[in-house]
C-alpha atoms as a PDB file:
ATOM      1  CA  UNK A   1       5.690   0.830  14.074  1.00  0.00           C
ATOM      2  CA  UNK A   2       8.164  -1.396  12.295  1.00  0.00           C
ATOM      3  CA  UNK A   3      11.787  -0.430  12.885  1.00  0.00           C
ATOM      4  CA  UNK A   4      13.249   0.523   9.509  1.00  0.00           C
ATOM      5  CA  UNK A   5      16.494   2.361   8.849  1.00  0.00           C
ATOM      6  CA  UNK A   6      14.670   4.955   6.738  1.00  0.00           C
ATOM      7  CA  UNK A   7      11.952   6.678   8.793  1.00  0.00           C
ATOM      8  CA  UNK A   8      10.275   7.867   5.584  1.00  0.00           C
ATOM      9  CA  UNK A   9       9.467   4.244   4.785  1.00  0.00           C
ATOM     10  CA  UNK A  10       8.544   3.107   8.297  1.00  0.00           C
ATOM     11  CA  UNK A  11       5.296   1.176   8.386  1.00  0.00           C
ATOM     12  CA  UNK A  12       2.847  -0.415  10.804  1.00  0.00           C
ATOM     13  CA  UNK A  13       1.575  -3.260   8.631  1.00  0.00           C
ATOM     14  CA  UNK A  14       2.540  -4.945   5.396  1.00  0.00           C
ATOM     15  CA  UNK A  15       0.372  -6.519   2.710  1.00  0.00           C
ATOM     16  CA  UNK A  16       2.017  -8.746   0.096  1.00  0.00           C
ATOM     17  CA  UNK A  17      -0.149  -9.092  -3.010  1.00  0.00           C
ATOM     18  CA  UNK A  18       2.615 -10.590  -5.147  1.00  0.00           C
ATOM     19  CA  UNK A  19       1.191 -12.735  -7.943  1.00  0.00           C
ATOM     20  CA  UNK A  20      -2.340 -11.362  -7.591  1.00  0.00           C
ATOM     21  CA  UNK A  21      -4.112  -9.378 -10.301  1.00  0.00           C
ATOM     22  CA  UNK A  22      -6.872  -6.783 -10.369  1.00  0.00           C
ATOM     23  CA  UNK A  23      -9.149  -6.579  -8.457  1.00  0.00           C
ATOM     24  CA  UNK A  24      -7.572  -8.768  -5.751  1.00  0.00           C
ATOM     25  CA  UNK A  25      -4.826  -6.366  -4.526  1.00  0.00           C
ATOM     26  CA  UNK A  26      -7.350  -3.572  -3.946  1.00  0.00           C
ATOM     27  CA  UNK A  27      -9.858  -5.908  -2.304  1.00  0.00           C
ATOM     28  CA  UNK A  28      -7.163  -7.118   0.095  1.00  0.00           C
ATOM     29  CA  UNK A  29      -6.147  -3.515   0.796  1.00  0.00           C
ATOM     30  CA  UNK A  30      -9.749  -2.682   1.737  1.00  0.00           C
ATOM     31  CA  UNK A  31      -9.770  -5.611   4.170  1.00  0.00           C
ATOM     32  CA  UNK A  32      -6.378  -4.721   5.663  1.00  0.00           C
ATOM     33  CA  UNK A  33      -7.158  -1.042   6.342  1.00  0.00           C
ATOM     34  CA  UNK A  34     -10.267  -2.090   8.272  1.00  0.00           C
ATOM     35  CA  UNK A  35      -7.939  -3.601  10.878  1.00  0.00           C
ATOM     36  CA  UNK A  36      -5.814  -0.442  11.119  1.00  0.00           C
ATOM     37  CA  UNK A  37      -6.312   3.026  12.585  1.00  0.00           C
ATOM     38  CA  UNK A  38      -5.942   6.547  11.211  1.00  0.00           C
ATOM     39  CA  UNK A  39      -2.350   7.693  10.922  1.00  0.00           C
ATOM     40  CA  UNK A  40      -0.890   4.227  10.589  1.00  0.00           C
ATOM     41  CA  UNK A  41       1.158   3.362   7.509  1.00  0.00           C
ATOM     42  CA  UNK A  42       0.467   0.349   5.314  1.00  0.00           C
ATOM     43  CA  UNK A  43       3.181  -1.038   3.051  1.00  0.00           C
ATOM     44  CA  UNK A  44       1.797  -2.806  -0.020  1.00  0.00           C
ATOM     45  CA  UNK A  45       3.935  -5.004  -2.256  1.00  0.00           C
ATOM     46  CA  UNK A  46       2.475  -5.886  -5.656  1.00  0.00           C
ATOM     47  CA  UNK A  47       3.419  -7.301  -9.038  1.00  0.00           C
ATOM     48  CA  UNK A  48       0.305  -6.216 -10.947  1.00  0.00           C
ATOM     49  CA  UNK A  49       1.072  -3.172 -13.140  1.00  0.00           C
ATOM     50  CA  UNK A  50      -2.561  -2.079 -12.754  1.00  0.00           C
ATOM     51  CA  UNK A  51      -1.746  -1.096  -9.164  1.00  0.00           C
ATOM     52  CA  UNK A  52       0.094   1.963 -10.515  1.00  0.00           C
ATOM     53  CA  UNK A  53      -3.351   3.240 -11.450  1.00  0.00           C
ATOM     54  CA  UNK A  54      -5.499   1.546  -8.798  1.00  0.00           C
ATOM     55  CA  UNK A  55      -3.546   2.355  -5.620  1.00  0.00           C
ATOM     56  CA  UNK A  56      -3.500   6.152  -6.154  1.00  0.00           C
ATOM     57  CA  UNK A  57      -7.232   6.063  -6.975  1.00  0.00           C
ATOM     58  CA  UNK A  58      -7.882   3.944  -3.870  1.00  0.00           C
ATOM     59  CA  UNK A  59      -6.055   6.551  -1.767  1.00  0.00           C
ATOM     60  CA  UNK A  60      -7.786   9.501  -3.394  1.00  0.00           C
ATOM     61  CA  UNK A  61     -11.248   7.962  -3.076  1.00  0.00           C
ATOM     62  CA  UNK A  62     -10.821   7.052   0.605  1.00  0.00           C
ATOM     63  CA  UNK A  63      -8.757  10.084   1.644  1.00  0.00           C
ATOM     64  CA  UNK A  64      -5.572   8.149   2.423  1.00  0.00           C
ATOM     65  CA  UNK A  65      -2.146   9.627   1.656  1.00  0.00           C
ATOM     66  CA  UNK A  66       0.152   7.819  -0.763  1.00  0.00           C
ATOM     67  CA  UNK A  67       3.404   8.845   0.885  1.00  0.00           C
ATOM     68  CA  UNK A  68       5.784   6.870  -1.325  1.00  0.00           C
ATOM     69  CA  UNK A  69       5.908   4.424  -4.190  1.00  0.00           C
ATOM     70  CA  UNK A  70       8.850   2.481  -5.513  1.00  0.00           C
ATOM     71  CA  UNK A  71       8.963   0.574  -8.768  1.00  0.00           C
ATOM     72  CA  UNK A  72      11.851  -1.828  -9.337  1.00  0.00           C
ATOM     73  CA  UNK A  73      11.835  -4.490 -12.025  1.00  0.00           C
ATOM     74  CA  UNK A  74       8.395  -6.105 -11.828  1.00  0.00           C
ATOM     75  CA  UNK A  75       7.680  -5.167  -8.221  1.00  0.00           C
ATOM     76  CA  UNK A  76       5.662  -2.193  -6.991  1.00  0.00           C
ATOM     77  CA  UNK A  77       5.900  -1.020  -3.374  1.00  0.00           C
ATOM     78  CA  UNK A  78       3.518   1.554  -1.911  1.00  0.00           C
ATOM     79  CA  UNK A  79       3.435   3.281   1.483  1.00  0.00           C
ATOM     80  CA  UNK A  80      -0.007   4.571   2.446  1.00  0.00           C
ATOM     81  CA  UNK A  81      -0.851   6.690   5.504  1.00  0.00           C
ATOM     82  CA  UNK A  82      -4.419   5.996   6.535  1.00  0.00           C
ATOM     83  CA  UNK A  83      -6.901   8.830   6.920  1.00  0.00           C
END
């Protein structure tokens, strides 16, 4: 697990989808979680506003837990615990 100062936002892998638009961020998330195991946390960084809708639906559909999301300026950061 990555060593972060805030354990709530500790993560095992990071996916930067900056500059990509729907459906690319979700497609890349599908590919990334295939390489991970249950219980690990994926940090996703995005600039596409559609991810505010798509990431929670992705989690709900696949049973993952969206443990945190941060929106600052034009950047969206999500922390997802894999099911």
